[in-house]
Protein backbone atom coordinates (compact mmCIF):
# COMPACT_ATOMS: atom_id res chain seq x y z
CA MET A 1 24.37 -64.68 -53.72
CA ARG A 2 24.84 -60.94 -53.32
CA TRP A 3 22.12 -60.30 -55.88
CA LYS A 4 19.65 -62.56 -54.08
CA GLN A 5 18.87 -59.84 -51.56
CA PHE A 6 17.75 -57.51 -54.35
CA LEU A 7 15.59 -60.16 -55.98
CA THR A 8 13.79 -61.30 -52.84
CA PRO A 9 10.27 -59.91 -53.19
CA VAL A 10 8.67 -58.03 -50.31
CA LYS A 11 5.16 -56.75 -49.79
CA SER A 12 4.41 -53.05 -49.74
CA ILE A 13 1.69 -51.47 -47.63
CA ASN A 14 0.35 -47.96 -47.73
CA VAL A 15 0.06 -45.55 -44.82
CA ASP A 16 -3.53 -46.47 -43.97
CA GLN A 17 -2.66 -50.16 -43.89
CA ALA A 18 0.38 -49.44 -41.73
CA ARG A 19 -1.77 -47.54 -39.22
CA GLU A 20 -4.33 -50.37 -39.14
CA TYR A 21 -1.51 -52.85 -38.64
CA ARG A 22 -0.20 -50.80 -35.73
CA GLU A 23 -3.65 -50.73 -34.14
CA GLU A 24 -3.86 -54.52 -34.38
CA LYS A 25 -0.44 -55.33 -32.99
CA PRO A 26 0.97 -54.37 -29.57
CA PRO A 27 4.44 -52.73 -29.49
CA ASP A 28 6.15 -56.00 -28.58
CA GLU A 29 4.93 -57.58 -31.84
CA LEU A 30 5.72 -54.83 -34.33
CA THR A 31 8.80 -52.78 -35.26
CA PHE A 32 8.79 -49.62 -37.33
CA LEU A 33 12.26 -49.44 -38.85
CA ASP A 34 13.55 -46.08 -40.11
CA VAL A 35 16.39 -46.56 -42.62
CA ARG A 36 17.03 -42.86 -43.31
CA GLN A 37 20.05 -40.94 -42.08
CA PRO A 38 20.13 -39.65 -38.46
CA LYS A 39 19.55 -36.02 -39.48
CA GLU A 40 16.37 -37.03 -41.35
CA TYR A 41 15.17 -39.01 -38.33
CA GLU A 42 15.88 -36.06 -36.05
CA THR A 43 13.62 -33.70 -37.98
CA GLY A 44 10.65 -36.09 -37.70
CA HIS A 45 9.97 -39.81 -37.40
CA ILE A 46 7.17 -42.26 -36.65
CA PRO A 47 6.87 -42.50 -32.84
CA GLY A 48 8.77 -45.50 -31.51
CA ALA A 49 10.63 -46.18 -34.77
CA LYS A 50 14.04 -47.80 -34.55
CA LEU A 51 16.73 -46.03 -36.56
CA ILE A 52 19.21 -48.06 -38.61
CA PRO A 53 20.38 -46.18 -41.74
CA LEU A 54 20.38 -48.28 -44.90
CA PRO A 55 24.22 -48.42 -45.16
CA GLU A 56 24.33 -50.03 -41.69
CA ILE A 57 21.59 -52.62 -42.20
CA THR A 58 23.85 -55.59 -42.87
CA SER A 59 26.16 -54.92 -39.92
CA ARG A 60 23.32 -54.17 -37.48
CA ILE A 61 20.66 -56.61 -38.61
CA GLY A 62 21.08 -58.49 -35.33
CA GLU A 63 19.46 -55.53 -33.56
CA ILE A 64 16.14 -56.25 -35.30
CA ASP A 65 13.92 -58.90 -33.73
CA PRO A 66 13.11 -61.44 -36.48
CA ASP A 67 10.13 -62.71 -34.50
CA LYS A 68 8.37 -59.34 -34.76
CA ALA A 69 6.64 -57.98 -37.84
CA THR A 70 8.64 -55.08 -39.33
CA VAL A 71 7.43 -52.11 -41.34
CA VAL A 72 10.41 -50.44 -43.04
CA TYR A 73 10.26 -46.84 -44.16
CA CYS A 74 12.50 -44.11 -45.54
CA ALA A 75 11.71 -40.72 -47.07
CA VAL A 76 9.66 -41.88 -50.07
CA GLY A 77 9.98 -45.68 -50.20
CA GLY A 78 13.12 -46.35 -52.26
CA ARG A 79 15.73 -47.05 -49.61
CA SER A 80 13.19 -48.93 -47.48
CA ARG A 81 12.35 -51.29 -50.34
CA ILE A 82 16.01 -52.25 -50.63
CA ALA A 83 16.33 -52.65 -46.85
CA ALA A 84 13.19 -54.81 -46.71
CA GLN A 85 14.52 -56.98 -49.52
CA MET A 86 17.83 -57.40 -47.70
CA MET A 87 15.98 -58.40 -44.54
CA ALA A 88 13.78 -60.86 -46.43
CA ALA A 89 16.91 -62.43 -47.88
CA GLN A 90 18.20 -62.85 -44.33
CA GLY A 91 15.09 -64.80 -43.32
CA PHE A 92 12.78 -62.09 -42.00
CA GLY A 93 9.39 -63.51 -42.93
CA ASP A 94 7.07 -60.71 -41.86
CA VAL A 95 8.57 -57.54 -43.33
CA TYR A 96 6.82 -54.78 -45.27
CA ASN A 97 7.91 -51.73 -47.21
CA LEU A 98 5.94 -48.55 -46.46
CA SER A 99 4.89 -47.07 -49.81
CA GLY A 100 5.51 -43.34 -50.02
CA GLY A 101 7.64 -43.42 -46.88
CA PHE A 102 7.59 -40.74 -44.21
CA LYS A 103 6.53 -38.15 -46.76
CA ALA A 104 3.21 -39.97 -47.10
CA TRP A 105 2.79 -40.58 -43.36
CA LYS A 106 1.39 -37.10 -42.64
CA GLY A 107 0.37 -38.03 -39.14
CA GLU A 108 1.69 -38.01 -35.62
CA ALA A 109 5.43 -37.61 -35.50
CA ALA A 110 8.18 -37.35 -32.92
CA PHE A 111 11.29 -35.20 -33.11
CA GLY A 112 14.85 -35.33 -31.92
CA THR A 113 17.72 -37.77 -31.80
CA GLU A 114 17.52 -41.41 -30.84
CA ASN A 115 18.68 -40.53 -27.35
CA LYS A 116 16.44 -37.51 -26.80
CA GLY A 117 14.93 -37.78 -23.32
CA LEU A 118 16.58 -41.11 -22.53
CA GLU A 119 18.61 -39.54 -19.75
CA LEU A 120 15.35 -40.04 -17.83
CA PHE A 121 15.34 -43.79 -18.49
CA THR A 122 18.85 -45.25 -18.41
CA GLY A 123 17.57 -48.81 -18.73
CA ASN A 124 18.75 -49.72 -15.24
CA GLU A 125 15.69 -48.49 -13.36
CA SER A 126 13.57 -50.77 -11.22
CA VAL A 127 9.89 -50.88 -12.14
CA GLU A 128 9.18 -48.71 -9.09
CA LYS A 129 11.62 -46.03 -10.29
CA THR A 130 10.25 -46.28 -13.83
CA LEU A 131 6.75 -45.55 -12.57
CA ILE A 132 7.98 -42.61 -10.47
CA VAL A 133 9.67 -41.04 -13.52
CA ALA A 134 6.57 -41.61 -15.67
CA TYR A 135 4.37 -40.06 -12.99
CA SER A 136 6.75 -37.10 -12.81
CA LEU A 137 6.46 -36.46 -16.54
CA GLU A 138 2.66 -36.55 -16.29
CA GLU A 139 2.91 -34.13 -13.36
CA GLY A 140 5.00 -31.73 -15.42
CA LEU A 141 2.43 -31.69 -18.20
CA ARG A 142 -0.50 -31.42 -15.80
CA ASN A 143 1.10 -28.39 -14.13
CA PHE A 144 1.78 -26.81 -17.52
CA TYR A 145 -1.86 -27.18 -18.64
CA PHE A 146 -3.08 -25.93 -15.26
CA GLU A 147 -0.89 -22.82 -15.41
CA MET A 148 -1.88 -22.09 -19.01
CA LYS A 149 -5.56 -22.26 -18.03
CA ALA A 150 -5.09 -19.12 -15.96
CA ARG A 151 -2.93 -17.31 -18.51
CA VAL A 152 -5.15 -17.35 -21.60
CA ASN A 153 -8.00 -14.91 -22.24
CA ASN A 154 -10.10 -17.09 -24.55
CA SER A 155 -12.64 -19.02 -22.42
CA ASP A 156 -12.68 -21.93 -24.89
CA ALA A 157 -8.90 -22.17 -24.65
CA SER A 158 -9.08 -21.99 -20.85
CA ASN A 159 -11.68 -24.76 -20.72
CA LEU A 160 -9.59 -26.90 -23.03
CA PHE A 161 -6.50 -26.52 -20.84
CA GLU A 162 -8.59 -27.59 -17.85
CA LYS A 163 -9.84 -30.65 -19.73
CA LEU A 164 -6.28 -31.58 -20.77
CA SER A 165 -5.12 -31.14 -17.18
CA GLU A 166 -7.84 -33.53 -15.98
CA ILE A 167 -6.73 -36.15 -18.52
CA GLU A 168 -3.21 -36.03 -17.08
CA ILE A 169 -4.56 -36.40 -13.53
CA LYS A 170 -6.42 -39.56 -14.59
CA HIS A 171 -3.24 -40.91 -16.12
CA GLN A 172 -1.31 -40.14 -12.95
CA ASN A 173 -3.95 -42.01 -10.95
CA ARG A 174 -3.54 -45.01 -13.25
CA ILE A 175 0.24 -44.97 -12.75
CA LEU A 176 -0.19 -44.66 -8.98
CA GLU A 177 -2.56 -47.66 -8.99
CA GLU A 178 0.03 -49.65 -10.95
CA TYR A 179 2.71 -48.69 -8.42
CA SER A 180 0.57 -49.86 -5.50
CA LYS A 181 -0.31 -53.09 -7.33
CA ILE A 182 3.31 -53.96 -8.17
CA THR A 183 4.87 -52.97 -4.85
CA GLU A 184 1.90 -54.16 -2.79
CA LYS A 185 2.29 -50.93 -0.85
CA SER A 186 -0.56 -48.61 -0.04
CA VAL A 187 0.75 -45.14 -0.81
CA THR A 188 -1.10 -41.85 -0.86
CA ARG A 189 -0.80 -39.39 -3.70
CA GLU A 190 0.93 -36.92 -1.36
CA GLU A 191 3.51 -39.49 -0.24
CA PHE A 192 4.16 -40.58 -3.80
CA GLU A 193 4.67 -37.05 -5.02
CA LYS A 194 7.55 -36.56 -2.56
CA SER A 195 9.55 -38.79 -4.95
CA VAL A 196 8.81 -36.61 -7.97
CA ALA A 197 11.91 -34.72 -9.08
CA VAL A 198 11.85 -34.59 -12.89
CA LYS A 199 11.29 -31.09 -14.26
CA LYS A 200 10.18 -32.01 -17.76
CA LEU A 201 6.91 -32.72 -19.53
CA GLU A 202 5.70 -35.88 -21.19
CA GLY A 203 8.05 -36.82 -23.99
CA GLY A 204 11.09 -35.60 -22.08
CA LEU A 205 11.11 -32.02 -23.40
CA THR A 206 10.68 -28.78 -21.51
CA THR A 207 7.85 -26.29 -22.04
CA GLU A 208 10.26 -23.97 -23.86
CA GLU A 209 11.43 -26.74 -26.19
CA TYR A 210 7.85 -27.54 -27.22
CA ALA A 211 7.01 -23.87 -27.70
CA ASN A 212 10.12 -23.33 -29.83
CA LEU A 213 9.25 -26.34 -31.96
CA PHE A 214 5.69 -25.34 -32.81
CA HIS A 215 5.29 -21.59 -32.06
CA PRO A 216 1.60 -22.03 -31.20
CA ASP A 217 -1.04 -19.39 -30.62
CA TRP A 218 -2.06 -20.33 -27.08
CA GLU A 219 -5.43 -18.60 -27.55
CA SER A 220 -6.27 -20.93 -30.45
CA VAL A 221 -8.10 -24.14 -29.56
CA THR A 222 -6.80 -25.81 -32.72
CA ASP A 223 -3.20 -24.85 -31.98
CA ILE A 224 -3.52 -26.10 -28.40
CA ILE A 225 -4.82 -29.50 -29.52
CA GLU A 226 -2.12 -29.78 -32.15
CA VAL A 227 0.56 -29.11 -29.54
CA ALA A 228 -1.12 -31.57 -27.16
CA MET A 229 -1.07 -34.22 -29.91
CA SER A 230 2.61 -33.51 -30.58
CA ILE A 231 3.40 -33.92 -26.88
CA GLU A 232 1.51 -37.24 -26.76
CA ALA A 233 3.36 -38.43 -29.89
CA GLN A 234 6.67 -37.43 -28.30
CA ALA A 235 5.69 -39.29 -25.13
CA LEU A 236 4.70 -42.38 -27.12
CA ASP A 237 8.08 -42.24 -28.84
CA LEU A 238 10.03 -41.83 -25.60
CA TYR A 239 8.25 -44.65 -23.77
CA LEU A 240 8.73 -47.06 -26.69
CA ARG A 241 12.42 -46.17 -27.04
CA ALA A 242 12.86 -46.50 -23.28
CA SER A 243 11.14 -49.90 -23.29
CA GLU A 244 13.68 -51.14 -25.84
CA ARG A 245 16.59 -50.39 -23.49
CA ALA A 246 14.91 -51.42 -20.23
CA GLY A 247 16.89 -54.14 -18.51
CA ASP A 248 14.11 -55.07 -16.13
CA SER A 249 11.28 -57.08 -17.71
CA GLN A 250 8.66 -55.50 -15.46
CA SER A 251 9.89 -52.02 -16.38
CA GLN A 252 9.76 -52.94 -20.05
CA LYS A 253 6.18 -54.19 -19.69
CA VAL A 254 5.12 -51.06 -17.79
CA LEU A 255 6.73 -48.73 -20.34
CA ARG A 256 4.96 -50.47 -23.22
CA GLN A 257 1.68 -50.28 -21.34
CA ILE A 258 2.11 -46.55 -20.74
CA ALA A 259 3.04 -46.12 -24.41
CA ASP A 260 -0.23 -47.82 -25.36
CA GLU A 261 -2.10 -45.40 -23.10
CA GLU A 262 -0.38 -42.46 -24.81
CA ARG A 263 -1.52 -43.90 -28.13
CA THR A 264 -5.09 -43.92 -26.80
CA HIS A 265 -4.76 -40.28 -25.69
CA LEU A 266 -3.47 -39.43 -29.16
CA ALA A 267 -6.52 -41.03 -30.77
CA GLN A 268 -8.85 -39.14 -28.40
CA LEU A 269 -7.21 -35.83 -29.29
CA GLY A 270 -7.48 -36.72 -32.98
CA LYS A 271 -11.24 -37.14 -32.60
CA LEU A 272 -11.41 -33.88 -30.67
CA ILE A 273 -9.68 -31.87 -33.38
CA GLU A 274 -11.95 -33.43 -36.01
CA SER A 275 -14.99 -32.25 -34.05
CA ILE A 276 -13.96 -28.58 -34.18
């Protein structure tokens, strides 16, 4: 019986197929499962991935939703194949091994521990509070882009910071609309902003933490977009991790919706960097 898990065949998909799969399925229908060790996860992981190291799979398999499709990955594809086989043997019918693992991913990535930034979302927030925190994070990033616009000397860099700032304003407006819709309260932007208290950017990191991670040249348009993409990936990761711990169903739905919007922003920035 013990050998059955190693003989249960599983399908493998490559990175392009995994990305297409992610585009097709909303976050509540797909799990990316990282079976590496915590230190490996901390240095870079697919945004929103759930971490369960391979040695803990059997004891923690109950944490994985069997009704969702699961893409399992490790560093290069060896450990994840074993994990996927073990899951298949336990009845997981829609599980895939990511060929080449994280080394082949070479795309958007998030950094930090599983709990990075989650002090902002304890899981006990009401949907109203969840939206206020999300708005606050957008506000932090908007202010950062706005301040950087005045600091740089390169006009192209300045214009880009302005454009990025405007994107965050639009996202704030969308969150404010959602707040009014859910609470059925008409609230002005000024009134809403009195509730804003979080002093971090999207993704739950500070300006200094992002700068220390990437050491960008703020006069370089390419560097600015790359940092912006990293921030959006970090935000996507945080919102998906927060949605997993949200105790309120409305908060969970809102967090997944905002995560989807961050994914859209990420795609837009990807097209922008390709156009340079």
